[in-house]
Amino acid sequence: MGGLREVAASFVVPGPAGVAIRDRLRVSDADAAVLTKVGVYLGSLAAGDLAERSRQGPAHDAAGWAVRKRSLTGRSSARWAGSITKATHDQWALARRGQAAHMAWLRGQIASIEARLARPLGAKADKRAGLARGYATRVECHAKSRRLQMLKDRLAVVEADRAAGRVRVVRGGKRLANTRHHLAAAGLDEQAWRQRWRAERMFLAADGESGKRFGNETIRVTDTGRLSVKLPAPLAHLANAPHGRYVLDATVAFRHRRQEWLDRITVNRAVAYRIHHDVVRGRWYITASWQRAVAPVLPLQAALARGVVGVDMNDDHLAAWQLDVHGNPLGEPQRFFYDLTGTAQHRDAQIRHALTRLLHHARRCETAAIAIEDLDFSDGTSREKHGRNKRFRRLISRFPTAKLRARLVSMAAEQDIAVVAVDPAYTSRWGAQHWQQPLTTTTRKISRHDAAGIAIGRRALGHPIRRRTTPPPPHQSDGAGHRTVQARPEIRRREETRPRIPGPRTRSVSPDTERKRATRTSNTVRDVRSEQIWVQDPLLLTD
């Protein structure tokens, strides 16, 4: 056991702190033209503000923020300037965090290659001594030496950018920008690409303000669904309502979480809105978002009071199995499949559909918690960790870990189901070792993933993954009594023999039947029970 790492404690995942809902805008041609003009104009202001913020670097402070906001106020409005500068600051901070993560990843790759190059060719790994395995051939060793120099050069560039406070951000997306040079491969012409590029660079987002009418003065949606936009100063001539506002013909009807949204806007609580144009579908959408009060995290023992549904996440399905509070599997294993091929919208829909079925299964089982592995594949797809095993790296890269976890936490909160995260160490291996073969029958085939679901659930409940403690060699047939580890770790004497419990030995015999059997009078000597007590009649029989 010395080579095994310490297993982290399970914990209840906090619920979501924000809510976002979306609805389609069936705009007219006139509304679409106005929204496009406003979005393109504000997008140009946002691009210039991002460039100015990038030039300031880490030296940026509140005074610099105020200068940028004043310069934008004259060209738009005070509220539009506040939304643009805040979005710019968030985008720069996100790029800065991504830069730090990329730098840490490069350093990890360099350290991994150097450790393997320091070992002889074909040397085996020694986990106890902390030694990595060597490369198999000289050709592979030479290729890794070249890759090492390339990674060091890339790290030097990133470190220089970080020291200078320089980040690299592409408004509209780097992928779409690179598509401009490969239009034929993407099946686009220049005009179609420019329409997508213009739509992605538009800026039509406004933060909410508590105390203002309907929670937002810039993009306002009334309780009747009427949508109006405050126009920037240079486009005020397009207004069709007082105070430089443009009222759209399209109405908004948030069907998902509508009552929660209405409860906020009727008391003038802050709601942020974003208007987006999907060029591929030719549709306009509006997204409303707000923050929720942080709910207290449910204690782990309270969440597991009615058992748990252990879930093993795979690249094509979720394997789930219900467990009672003692860690015993109940019912049959469940598998919820999804297809991660195709577009991003298709993959997202597949994940949501699988999670919906999983949550419905948990509700039918009357459990209040779902146990899932706390997976982190940030370095799992690297070629330095898994070498030439491209198939395994491709398998790991398909795991929708971040999106699935975010979706599951958000959807489970609506169903009042807690999500318990457990350490993923050895769950698949130990689950297959202790549970796959014993639960497999002639009519039921248990997969490795089903057994892993049991291991995940037992770890969340605080039980060991193994089914029972093996008796001593002289008592392999339970001569010393049955051994069990179904009790929790803090229970005393759980590793000792189980005491004999009086009463029926099987659940098929009721206590009443057993009591009748013990008290009935036998008709033959063969039927005499050892528990019966014979009493001599006090009256003597005489002639």
Protein backbone atom coordinates (compact mmCIF):
# COMPACT_ATOMS: atom_id res chain seq x y z
CA MET A 1 0.00 0.00 0.00
CA GLY A 2 3.01 2.28 0.15
CA GLY A 3 2.71 3.14 -3.55
CA LEU A 4 -0.90 4.35 -3.31
CA ARG A 5 -1.61 8.02 -2.97
CA GLU A 6 -3.80 9.40 -0.22
CA VAL A 7 -7.47 9.63 -1.15
CA ALA A 8 -9.01 13.05 -0.65
CA ALA A 9 -12.20 13.46 1.35
CA SER A 10 -15.55 13.71 -0.41
CA PHE A 11 -17.47 16.98 -0.32
CA VAL A 12 -20.78 18.46 -1.44
CA VAL A 13 -20.38 20.71 -4.47
CA PRO A 14 -21.73 24.25 -3.88
CA GLY A 15 -24.71 25.25 -5.97
CA PRO A 16 -24.61 27.78 -8.81
CA ALA A 17 -24.24 31.43 -7.89
CA GLY A 18 -25.82 32.79 -11.07
CA VAL A 19 -28.71 32.15 -13.46
CA ALA A 20 -28.91 32.71 -17.22
CA ILE A 21 -31.97 32.24 -19.43
CA ARG A 22 -32.36 32.84 -23.15
CA ASP A 23 -35.21 33.57 -25.52
CA ARG A 24 -35.50 34.11 -29.25
CA LEU A 25 -36.23 37.55 -30.64
CA ARG A 26 -38.45 37.47 -33.74
CA VAL A 27 -37.35 40.89 -34.94
CA SER A 28 -38.50 42.68 -38.07
CA ASP A 29 -36.15 43.88 -40.77
CA ALA A 30 -36.21 47.42 -39.36
CA ASP A 31 -35.41 46.16 -35.84
CA ALA A 32 -32.57 43.99 -37.17
CA ALA A 33 -31.08 46.97 -39.04
CA VAL A 34 -31.15 49.17 -35.92
CA LEU A 35 -29.68 46.45 -33.68
CA THR A 36 -26.91 45.82 -36.21
CA LYS A 37 -25.97 49.52 -36.38
CA VAL A 38 -25.92 49.87 -32.60
CA GLY A 39 -23.99 46.61 -32.10
CA VAL A 40 -21.35 47.42 -34.72
CA TYR A 41 -20.84 50.96 -33.39
CA LEU A 42 -20.53 49.85 -29.76
CA GLY A 43 -18.30 46.97 -30.86
CA SER A 44 -15.85 49.44 -32.40
CA LEU A 45 -15.77 51.35 -29.11
CA ALA A 46 -15.18 48.10 -27.20
CA ALA A 47 -12.30 47.17 -29.53
CA GLY A 48 -10.60 50.51 -28.98
CA ASP A 49 -11.11 50.31 -25.23
CA LEU A 50 -9.59 46.81 -25.14
CA ALA A 51 -6.55 48.05 -27.02
CA GLU A 52 -6.14 50.92 -24.56
CA ARG A 53 -6.52 48.58 -21.59
CA SER A 54 -3.92 46.20 -23.03
CA ARG A 55 -1.45 49.05 -23.44
CA GLN A 56 -1.82 49.98 -19.77
CA GLY A 57 -0.99 46.43 -18.62
CA PRO A 58 -0.63 45.73 -14.87
CA ALA A 59 -0.16 49.46 -14.20
CA HIS A 60 -3.90 50.00 -14.66
CA ASP A 61 -5.71 51.49 -11.67
CA ALA A 62 -9.03 53.12 -10.80
CA ALA A 63 -7.88 56.49 -12.15
CA GLY A 64 -7.07 54.96 -15.54
CA TRP A 65 -10.45 53.24 -15.56
CA ALA A 66 -12.17 56.58 -14.93
CA VAL A 67 -10.29 58.21 -17.80
CA ARG A 68 -11.34 55.46 -20.21
CA LYS A 69 -14.95 55.69 -19.09
CA ARG A 70 -15.08 59.47 -19.54
CA SER A 71 -13.70 59.18 -23.05
CA LEU A 72 -16.42 56.67 -23.97
CA THR A 73 -19.26 58.57 -22.30
CA GLY A 74 -19.19 61.39 -24.82
CA ARG A 75 -19.37 58.93 -27.73
CA SER A 76 -22.15 56.76 -26.29
CA SER A 77 -23.63 57.27 -22.81
CA ALA A 78 -22.54 56.85 -19.21
CA ARG A 79 -24.21 53.45 -18.84
CA TRP A 80 -22.90 52.10 -22.16
CA ALA A 81 -19.42 53.32 -21.18
CA GLY A 82 -19.68 51.50 -17.85
CA SER A 83 -20.73 48.25 -19.54
CA ILE A 84 -17.94 48.47 -22.14
CA THR A 85 -15.17 49.20 -19.65
CA LYS A 86 -16.30 46.46 -17.29
CA ALA A 87 -16.47 43.91 -20.12
CA THR A 88 -13.01 45.00 -21.26
CA HIS A 89 -11.59 44.59 -17.77
CA ASP A 90 -13.11 41.11 -17.41
CA GLN A 91 -11.77 40.05 -20.81
CA TRP A 92 -8.27 41.25 -20.01
CA ALA A 93 -8.32 39.50 -16.62
CA LEU A 94 -9.50 36.25 -18.25
CA ALA A 95 -6.68 36.43 -20.79
CA ARG A 96 -4.21 37.06 -17.98
CA ARG A 97 -5.39 33.95 -16.10
CA GLY A 98 -5.22 31.92 -19.28
CA GLN A 99 -1.68 33.13 -19.84
CA ALA A 100 -0.66 31.95 -16.36
CA ALA A 101 -2.30 28.55 -16.92
CA HIS A 102 -0.53 28.14 -20.27
CA MET A 103 2.81 29.02 -18.70
CA ALA A 104 2.28 26.44 -15.95
CA TRP A 105 1.35 23.82 -18.56
CA LEU A 106 4.53 24.50 -20.57
CA ARG A 107 6.67 24.16 -17.45
CA GLY A 108 5.03 20.85 -16.62
CA GLN A 109 5.66 19.50 -20.12
CA ILE A 110 9.30 20.59 -20.01
CA ALA A 111 9.85 18.97 -16.61
CA SER A 112 8.26 15.71 -17.82
CA ILE A 113 10.48 15.52 -20.92
CA GLU A 114 13.63 16.37 -19.00
CA ALA A 115 12.87 13.67 -16.42
CA ARG A 116 12.46 11.03 -19.11
CA LEU A 117 15.51 12.16 -21.07
CA ALA A 118 17.61 11.80 -17.92
CA ARG A 119 16.76 8.08 -17.76
CA PRO A 120 18.49 5.39 -19.87
CA LEU A 121 16.77 4.07 -22.97
CA GLY A 122 14.10 1.51 -22.13
CA ALA A 123 14.38 2.06 -18.35
CA LYS A 124 11.25 1.20 -16.40
CA ALA A 125 9.48 3.63 -14.10
CA ASP A 126 9.93 3.40 -10.35
CA LYS A 127 7.08 5.12 -8.54
CA ARG A 128 8.51 4.48 -5.12
CA ALA A 129 11.78 6.19 -6.04
CA GLY A 130 9.99 8.88 -8.10
CA LEU A 131 11.77 7.93 -11.34
CA ALA A 132 10.10 8.24 -14.73
CA ARG A 133 10.48 5.66 -17.45
CA GLY A 134 12.96 6.26 -20.21
CA TYR A 135 12.13 6.57 -23.89
CA ALA A 136 11.95 3.36 -25.86
CA THR A 137 14.21 4.16 -28.83
CA ARG A 138 16.88 6.64 -29.87
CA VAL A 139 14.57 8.01 -32.56
CA GLU A 140 11.92 8.88 -29.98
CA CYS A 141 14.59 10.33 -27.68
CA HIS A 142 15.87 12.57 -30.48
CA ALA A 143 12.34 13.73 -31.36
CA LYS A 144 11.65 14.58 -27.73
CA SER A 145 14.87 16.54 -27.51
CA ARG A 146 13.73 18.71 -30.40
CA ARG A 147 10.30 19.14 -28.86
CA LEU A 148 11.95 20.16 -25.58
CA GLN A 149 13.75 23.04 -27.29
CA MET A 150 10.54 24.13 -28.99
CA LEU A 151 8.65 24.16 -25.69
CA LYS A 152 11.42 26.17 -24.04
CA ASP A 153 11.22 28.77 -26.81
CA ARG A 154 7.45 29.03 -26.40
CA LEU A 155 7.85 29.36 -22.65
CA ALA A 156 10.35 32.18 -23.09
CA VAL A 157 7.86 34.09 -25.27
CA VAL A 158 5.01 33.63 -22.75
CA GLU A 159 7.22 34.66 -19.83
CA ALA A 160 8.32 37.79 -21.68
CA ASP A 161 4.68 38.70 -22.39
CA ARG A 162 3.75 38.17 -18.77
CA ALA A 163 6.64 40.26 -17.49
CA ALA A 164 5.66 43.08 -19.84
CA GLY A 165 1.95 42.81 -18.90
CA ARG A 166 1.02 41.96 -22.49
CA VAL A 167 -1.90 39.66 -23.29
CA ARG A 168 -3.14 38.37 -26.64
CA VAL A 169 -6.90 38.72 -27.15
CA VAL A 170 -8.88 38.43 -30.37
CA ARG A 171 -12.32 40.02 -30.29
CA GLY A 172 -14.48 37.69 -32.29
CA GLY A 173 -12.47 34.57 -31.52
CA LYS A 174 -9.11 33.24 -32.64
CA ARG A 175 -10.65 30.28 -34.44
CA LEU A 176 -12.91 32.47 -36.57
CA ALA A 177 -9.99 34.79 -37.31
CA ASN A 178 -7.88 31.86 -38.57
CA THR A 179 -10.79 30.62 -40.67
CA ARG A 180 -10.33 33.72 -42.85
CA HIS A 181 -7.23 32.06 -44.34
CA HIS A 182 -8.98 28.69 -44.94
CA LEU A 183 -12.36 29.66 -46.37
CA ALA A 184 -12.51 26.74 -48.82
CA ALA A 185 -11.87 24.17 -46.09
CA ALA A 186 -14.58 25.78 -43.92
CA GLY A 187 -17.08 25.90 -46.80
CA LEU A 188 -17.44 29.69 -46.62
CA ASP A 189 -16.97 32.59 -48.98
CA GLU A 190 -15.59 35.99 -47.98
CA GLN A 191 -19.00 37.60 -47.59
CA ALA A 192 -20.34 34.83 -45.31
CA TRP A 193 -17.19 34.99 -43.22
CA ARG A 194 -17.45 38.76 -42.83
CA GLN A 195 -21.05 38.48 -41.68
CA ARG A 196 -20.00 36.05 -38.94
CA TRP A 197 -17.02 38.21 -38.01
CA ARG A 198 -19.19 41.33 -37.71
CA ALA A 199 -21.79 39.49 -35.60
CA GLU A 200 -19.19 38.13 -33.18
CA ARG A 201 -17.58 41.55 -32.71
CA MET A 202 -20.85 43.38 -32.01
CA PHE A 203 -21.43 44.65 -28.48
CA LEU A 204 -24.99 44.62 -27.17
CA ALA A 205 -24.66 43.83 -23.47
CA ALA A 206 -25.67 45.87 -20.45
CA ASP A 207 -25.25 45.18 -16.74
CA GLY A 208 -28.25 45.56 -14.49
CA GLU A 209 -28.79 48.19 -11.79
CA SER A 210 -30.78 47.52 -8.65
CA GLY A 211 -33.27 50.28 -7.91
CA LYS A 212 -33.70 51.25 -11.57
CA ARG A 213 -36.88 50.59 -13.48
CA PHE A 214 -37.17 46.84 -14.28
CA GLY A 215 -33.57 46.36 -13.13
CA ASN A 216 -31.86 47.77 -16.23
CA GLU A 217 -31.91 51.23 -17.81
CA THR A 218 -29.84 50.45 -20.89
CA ILE A 219 -31.59 47.32 -22.20
CA ARG A 220 -35.02 47.26 -20.59
CA VAL A 221 -37.52 44.39 -20.69
CA THR A 222 -40.87 45.09 -19.05
CA ASP A 223 -43.10 42.54 -17.32
CA THR A 224 -45.24 42.45 -20.47
CA GLY A 225 -42.22 41.51 -22.62
CA ARG A 226 -41.70 44.89 -24.29
CA LEU A 227 -38.00 45.36 -25.17
CA SER A 228 -36.35 48.76 -25.57
CA VAL A 229 -32.72 49.84 -26.01
CA LYS A 230 -31.10 53.12 -25.02
CA LEU A 231 -29.33 54.37 -28.16
CA PRO A 232 -25.83 55.88 -28.11
CA ALA A 233 -25.61 59.61 -28.67
CA PRO A 234 -24.46 59.44 -32.36
CA LEU A 235 -27.40 57.10 -33.19
CA ALA A 236 -30.08 58.99 -31.27
CA HIS A 237 -31.82 59.92 -34.56
CA LEU A 238 -32.96 56.28 -34.85
CA ALA A 239 -35.07 56.54 -31.68
CA ASN A 240 -38.83 55.88 -31.92
CA ALA A 241 -39.58 56.57 -28.23
CA PRO A 242 -38.83 59.42 -25.79
CA HIS A 243 -35.44 59.88 -24.11
CA GLY A 244 -33.47 58.43 -27.03
CA ARG A 245 -34.87 54.90 -26.74
CA TYR A 246 -35.75 52.43 -29.48
CA VAL A 247 -38.65 50.06 -28.80
CA LEU A 248 -38.57 46.81 -30.75
CA ASP A 249 -41.64 45.25 -32.32
CA ALA A 250 -40.58 41.83 -31.01
CA THR A 251 -41.62 40.80 -27.53
CA VAL A 252 -39.71 38.72 -25.00
CA ALA A 253 -41.27 35.71 -23.27
CA PHE A 254 -38.80 33.90 -21.04
CA ARG A 255 -40.48 30.54 -20.56
CA HIS A 256 -37.69 28.96 -18.53
CA ARG A 257 -37.55 30.37 -14.98
CA ARG A 258 -40.03 33.02 -16.02
CA GLN A 259 -41.51 33.44 -12.56
CA GLU A 260 -38.09 33.94 -10.99
CA TRP A 261 -37.29 36.56 -13.63
CA LEU A 262 -40.61 38.33 -13.04
CA ASP A 263 -40.02 38.36 -9.30
CA ARG A 264 -36.79 40.28 -9.87
CA ILE A 265 -37.91 42.89 -12.38
CA THR A 266 -41.15 43.69 -10.54
CA VAL A 267 -39.13 44.81 -7.51
CA ASN A 268 -36.48 46.50 -9.70
CA ARG A 269 -33.62 44.12 -8.92
CA ALA A 270 -30.60 44.02 -11.24
CA VAL A 271 -30.83 41.87 -14.38
CA ALA A 272 -28.13 41.89 -17.08
CA TYR A 273 -29.09 41.43 -20.74
CA ARG A 274 -27.15 40.46 -23.84
CA ILE A 275 -28.45 40.49 -27.43
CA HIS A 276 -26.75 38.15 -29.87
CA HIS A 277 -27.12 37.49 -33.60
CA ASP A 278 -26.71 33.92 -34.89
CA VAL A 279 -25.75 34.40 -38.53
CA VAL A 280 -25.84 30.69 -39.39
CA ARG A 281 -29.48 30.32 -38.32
CA GLY A 282 -30.45 33.89 -39.12
CA ARG A 283 -31.88 34.43 -35.63
CA TRP A 284 -31.58 36.98 -32.86
CA TYR A 285 -31.49 35.97 -29.18
CA ILE A 286 -31.60 37.78 -25.86
CA THR A 287 -30.02 36.36 -22.70
CA ALA A 288 -30.95 37.50 -19.19
CA SER A 289 -28.68 36.75 -16.24
CA TRP A 290 -28.56 37.60 -12.57
CA GLN A 291 -26.87 36.54 -9.38
CA ARG A 292 -28.42 34.40 -6.72
CA ALA A 293 -27.90 34.57 -3.00
CA VAL A 294 -25.31 32.04 -1.96
CA ALA A 295 -27.20 29.11 -0.46
CA PRO A 296 -25.62 27.23 2.45
CA VAL A 297 -23.98 23.99 1.41
CA LEU A 298 -25.86 20.93 2.62
CA PRO A 299 -23.84 18.86 5.13
CA LEU A 300 -22.44 15.66 3.68
CA GLN A 301 -24.19 13.38 6.17
CA ALA A 302 -27.55 15.05 5.53
CA ALA A 303 -27.14 14.71 1.77
CA LEU A 304 -26.40 10.98 2.08
CA ALA A 305 -29.14 10.20 4.62
CA ARG A 306 -31.23 8.35 1.99
CA GLY A 307 -28.42 6.75 0.05
CA VAL A 308 -26.75 7.90 -3.13
CA VAL A 309 -26.60 7.27 -6.86
CA GLY A 310 -23.00 6.58 -7.89
CA VAL A 311 -22.19 7.80 -11.40
CA ASP A 312 -19.18 6.83 -13.51
CA MET A 313 -18.59 9.27 -16.35
CA ASN A 314 -17.35 7.93 -19.70
CA ASP A 315 -16.80 9.30 -23.15
CA ASP A 316 -20.12 7.94 -24.48
CA HIS A 317 -22.38 7.25 -21.48
CA LEU A 318 -23.02 7.69 -17.77
CA ALA A 319 -23.07 4.48 -15.71
CA ALA A 320 -25.22 4.88 -12.58
CA TRP A 321 -26.17 2.57 -9.74
CA GLN A 322 -28.25 3.27 -6.64
CA LEU A 323 -26.74 2.44 -3.23
CA ASP A 324 -28.38 2.41 0.18
CA VAL A 325 -26.86 4.03 3.26
CA HIS A 326 -24.87 0.85 3.97
CA GLY A 327 -23.23 0.86 0.53
CA ASN A 328 -25.25 -2.03 -0.92
CA PRO A 329 -26.24 -1.74 -4.61
CA LEU A 330 -29.99 -1.69 -5.17
CA GLY A 331 -31.90 -2.55 -8.32
CA GLU A 332 -30.24 -2.71 -11.70
CA PRO A 333 -27.44 -0.59 -13.20
CA GLN A 334 -28.53 2.27 -15.42
CA ARG A 335 -26.72 3.63 -18.47
CA PHE A 336 -27.46 7.01 -20.03
CA PHE A 337 -25.83 7.33 -23.44
CA TYR A 338 -24.86 10.46 -25.35
CA ASP A 339 -23.12 11.19 -28.65
CA LEU A 340 -20.30 13.74 -28.58
CA THR A 341 -19.79 13.93 -32.33
CA GLY A 342 -21.07 16.80 -34.41
CA THR A 343 -21.45 20.47 -33.62
CA ALA A 344 -21.08 22.11 -30.23
CA GLN A 345 -24.84 22.68 -30.02
CA HIS A 346 -25.47 18.99 -30.67
CA ARG A 347 -22.96 17.90 -28.02
CA ASP A 348 -24.44 20.30 -25.50
CA ALA A 349 -27.94 19.01 -26.17
CA GLN A 350 -26.77 15.41 -25.79
CA ILE A 351 -25.20 16.16 -22.40
CA ARG A 352 -28.30 17.97 -21.16
CA HIS A 353 -30.53 15.08 -22.26
CA ALA A 354 -28.37 12.49 -20.50
CA LEU A 355 -28.24 14.55 -17.30
CA THR A 356 -32.00 15.04 -17.37
CA ARG A 357 -32.54 11.28 -17.48
CA LEU A 358 -29.99 10.81 -14.69
CA LEU A 359 -31.77 13.31 -12.44
CA HIS A 360 -35.14 11.72 -13.14
CA HIS A 361 -33.66 8.35 -12.16
CA ALA A 362 -32.37 9.83 -8.91
CA ARG A 363 -35.82 11.25 -8.14
CA ARG A 364 -37.44 7.87 -8.77
CA CYS A 365 -34.92 6.25 -6.42
CA GLU A 366 -35.91 8.83 -3.75
CA THR A 367 -32.28 9.72 -3.09
CA ALA A 368 -31.10 13.24 -2.37
CA ALA A 369 -27.53 12.99 -3.68
CA ILE A 370 -25.54 12.01 -6.76
CA ALA A 371 -21.88 11.00 -6.38
CA ILE A 372 -19.51 11.76 -9.23
CA GLU A 373 -15.75 11.77 -9.64
CA ASP A 374 -13.88 15.05 -9.22
CA LEU A 375 -12.05 14.62 -12.52
CA ASP A 376 -9.40 17.01 -13.81
CA PHE A 377 -7.95 16.28 -17.25
CA SER A 378 -6.02 19.54 -17.63
CA ASP A 379 -2.85 17.52 -18.27
CA GLY A 380 -4.43 14.20 -19.21
CA THR A 381 -4.36 14.71 -22.97
CA SER A 382 -0.67 15.57 -23.21
CA ARG A 383 1.60 13.32 -25.21
CA GLU A 384 4.24 13.54 -22.48
CA LYS A 385 1.99 11.84 -19.93
CA HIS A 386 0.68 8.98 -22.06
CA GLY A 387 3.35 8.74 -24.73
CA ARG A 388 2.34 7.07 -27.98
CA ASN A 389 -1.04 5.94 -26.72
CA LYS A 390 -2.98 8.19 -29.07
CA ARG A 391 -6.16 6.20 -28.63
CA PHE A 392 -6.16 6.75 -24.88
CA ARG A 393 -5.32 10.44 -25.24
CA ARG A 394 -8.17 10.85 -27.73
CA LEU A 395 -10.49 9.03 -25.34
CA ILE A 396 -9.63 11.36 -22.46
CA SER A 397 -9.92 14.47 -24.61
CA ARG A 398 -13.51 13.53 -25.43
CA PHE A 399 -14.57 13.56 -21.79
CA PRO A 400 -16.88 16.58 -21.30
CA THR A 401 -15.63 17.13 -17.75
CA ALA A 402 -16.01 20.89 -17.34
CA LYS A 403 -19.28 21.22 -19.25
CA LEU A 404 -20.82 18.14 -17.66
CA ARG A 405 -19.94 19.23 -14.13
CA ALA A 406 -21.28 22.74 -14.69
CA ARG A 407 -24.48 21.43 -16.24
CA LEU A 408 -24.99 18.79 -13.55
CA VAL A 409 -24.57 21.23 -10.67
CA SER A 410 -26.95 23.73 -12.25
CA MET A 411 -29.62 21.18 -13.18
CA ALA A 412 -29.37 19.26 -9.90
CA ALA A 413 -29.91 22.46 -7.91
CA GLU A 414 -33.30 22.90 -9.60
CA GLN A 415 -34.28 19.37 -8.52
CA ASP A 416 -33.00 19.83 -4.93
CA ILE A 417 -30.44 17.07 -5.44
CA ALA A 418 -26.96 17.44 -3.97
CA VAL A 419 -23.84 16.62 -5.98
CA VAL A 420 -21.08 14.89 -4.01
CA ALA A 421 -17.58 14.97 -5.52
CA VAL A 422 -15.25 12.08 -4.66
CA ASP A 423 -11.60 11.39 -5.33
CA PRO A 424 -11.33 9.41 -8.60
CA ALA A 425 -8.28 7.42 -7.47
CA TYR A 426 -8.57 3.67 -8.19
CA THR A 427 -12.38 3.68 -8.53
CA SER A 428 -12.42 1.82 -11.85
CA ARG A 429 -9.73 -0.67 -10.84
CA TRP A 430 -11.06 -1.48 -7.39
CA GLY A 431 -14.67 -1.46 -8.54
CA ALA A 432 -13.91 -4.09 -11.18
CA GLN A 433 -11.84 -6.10 -8.69
CA HIS A 434 -14.42 -6.26 -5.92
CA TRP A 435 -17.83 -5.85 -7.59
CA GLN A 436 -17.85 -6.75 -11.29
CA GLN A 437 -17.52 -10.53 -11.04
CA PRO A 438 -19.73 -11.11 -7.94
CA LEU A 439 -22.65 -9.18 -9.48
CA THR A 440 -22.40 -10.76 -12.92
CA THR A 441 -24.98 -13.50 -13.54
CA THR A 442 -26.12 -15.54 -16.52
CA THR A 443 -28.87 -12.99 -17.20
CA ARG A 444 -27.02 -9.80 -16.25
CA LYS A 445 -23.73 -8.58 -17.63
CA ILE A 446 -21.96 -6.08 -15.38
CA SER A 447 -19.43 -3.82 -17.07
CA ARG A 448 -16.37 -2.27 -15.56
CA HIS A 449 -18.10 1.10 -15.61
CA ASP A 450 -21.10 -0.20 -13.65
CA ALA A 451 -18.76 -1.53 -10.97
CA ALA A 452 -16.98 1.84 -10.91
CA GLY A 453 -20.31 3.51 -10.17
CA ILE A 454 -20.64 1.33 -7.06
CA ALA A 455 -17.09 2.22 -6.01
CA ILE A 456 -17.82 5.93 -6.42
CA GLY A 457 -21.02 5.68 -4.40
CA ARG A 458 -19.35 3.72 -1.58
CA ARG A 459 -16.52 6.25 -1.38
CA ALA A 460 -19.05 9.07 -1.10
CA LEU A 461 -20.83 7.20 1.71
CA GLY A 462 -17.56 6.73 3.58
CA HIS A 463 -17.39 2.94 3.10
CA PRO A 464 -14.38 1.04 1.78
CA ILE A 465 -14.73 -0.04 -1.82
CA ARG A 466 -14.02 -3.73 -1.07
CA ARG A 467 -17.07 -5.87 -0.40
CA ARG A 468 -15.89 -7.59 2.82
CA THR A 469 -12.83 -8.41 4.85
CA THR A 470 -11.36 -11.79 3.95
CA PRO A 471 -11.48 -14.23 6.93
CA PRO A 472 -8.22 -15.66 8.29
CA PRO A 473 -6.79 -18.60 6.30
CA PRO A 474 -7.85 -21.23 8.89
CA HIS A 475 -11.42 -19.95 8.66
CA GLN A 476 -12.02 -19.44 4.98
CA SER A 477 -15.49 -21.02 5.36
CA ASP A 478 -16.54 -18.52 8.03
CA GLY A 479 -15.60 -20.85 10.84
CA ALA A 480 -14.76 -17.82 12.94
CA GLY A 481 -17.95 -16.03 11.97
CA HIS A 482 -18.94 -13.76 9.13
CA ARG A 483 -16.72 -10.71 8.58
CA THR A 484 -18.12 -7.50 7.10
CA VAL A 485 -17.06 -3.91 6.45
CA GLN A 486 -20.50 -2.58 5.65
CA ALA A 487 -20.33 -0.35 8.74
CA ARG A 488 -18.80 3.11 8.59
CA PRO A 489 -15.12 3.57 9.48
CA GLU A 490 -15.87 5.20 12.85
CA ILE A 491 -17.97 2.23 14.03
CA ARG A 492 -16.09 0.17 16.62
CA ARG A 493 -15.40 -3.54 16.09
CA ARG A 494 -16.56 -3.42 12.47
CA GLU A 495 -13.76 -5.79 11.46
CA GLU A 496 -14.74 -8.40 14.04
CA THR A 497 -17.18 -11.28 13.70
CA ARG A 498 -20.82 -10.42 13.36
CA PRO A 499 -22.87 -11.43 16.43
CA ARG A 500 -25.61 -13.97 16.06
CA ILE A 501 -28.98 -12.22 15.83
CA PRO A 502 -31.89 -14.23 17.27
CA GLY A 503 -34.84 -14.88 15.01
CA PRO A 504 -35.31 -16.07 11.44
CA ARG A 505 -32.14 -16.43 9.40
CA THR A 506 -33.77 -15.44 6.14
CA ARG A 507 -36.10 -12.63 5.22
CA SER A 508 -38.52 -15.12 3.64
CA VAL A 509 -39.66 -16.30 7.11
CA SER A 510 -41.66 -13.81 9.11
CA PRO A 511 -41.12 -13.47 12.89
CA ASP A 512 -44.67 -14.69 13.55
CA THR A 513 -44.09 -17.88 11.62
CA GLU A 514 -40.82 -18.50 13.44
CA ARG A 515 -42.53 -18.01 16.81
CA LYS A 516 -45.28 -20.46 15.92
CA ARG A 517 -42.74 -23.06 14.88
CA ALA A 518 -40.94 -22.73 18.23
CA THR A 519 -44.08 -23.15 20.34
CA ARG A 520 -46.03 -25.80 18.45
CA THR A 521 -46.37 -29.28 19.95
CA SER A 522 -44.66 -32.11 18.10
CA ASN A 523 -46.54 -35.26 17.19
CA THR A 524 -43.52 -37.44 16.65
CA VAL A 525 -40.15 -37.81 18.21
CA ARG A 526 -38.53 -36.74 14.94
CA ASP A 527 -40.31 -33.40 15.10
CA VAL A 528 -39.17 -32.56 18.61
CA ARG A 529 -37.27 -29.26 18.60
CA SER A 530 -34.23 -28.82 20.80
CA GLU A 531 -35.57 -25.48 22.06
CA GLN A 532 -38.67 -27.07 23.64
CA ILE A 533 -38.75 -27.62 27.44
CA TRP A 534 -40.69 -30.58 28.77
CA VAL A 535 -42.36 -30.18 32.21
CA GLN A 536 -43.47 -33.15 34.35
CA ASP A 537 -47.17 -33.14 35.16
CA PRO A 538 -47.56 -32.49 38.91
CA LEU A 539 -50.44 -35.01 39.15
CA LEU A 540 -49.21 -38.60 39.50
CA LEU A 541 -50.99 -41.26 37.58
CA THR A 542 -52.05 -44.13 39.86
CA ASP A 543 -54.19 -47.21 39.46
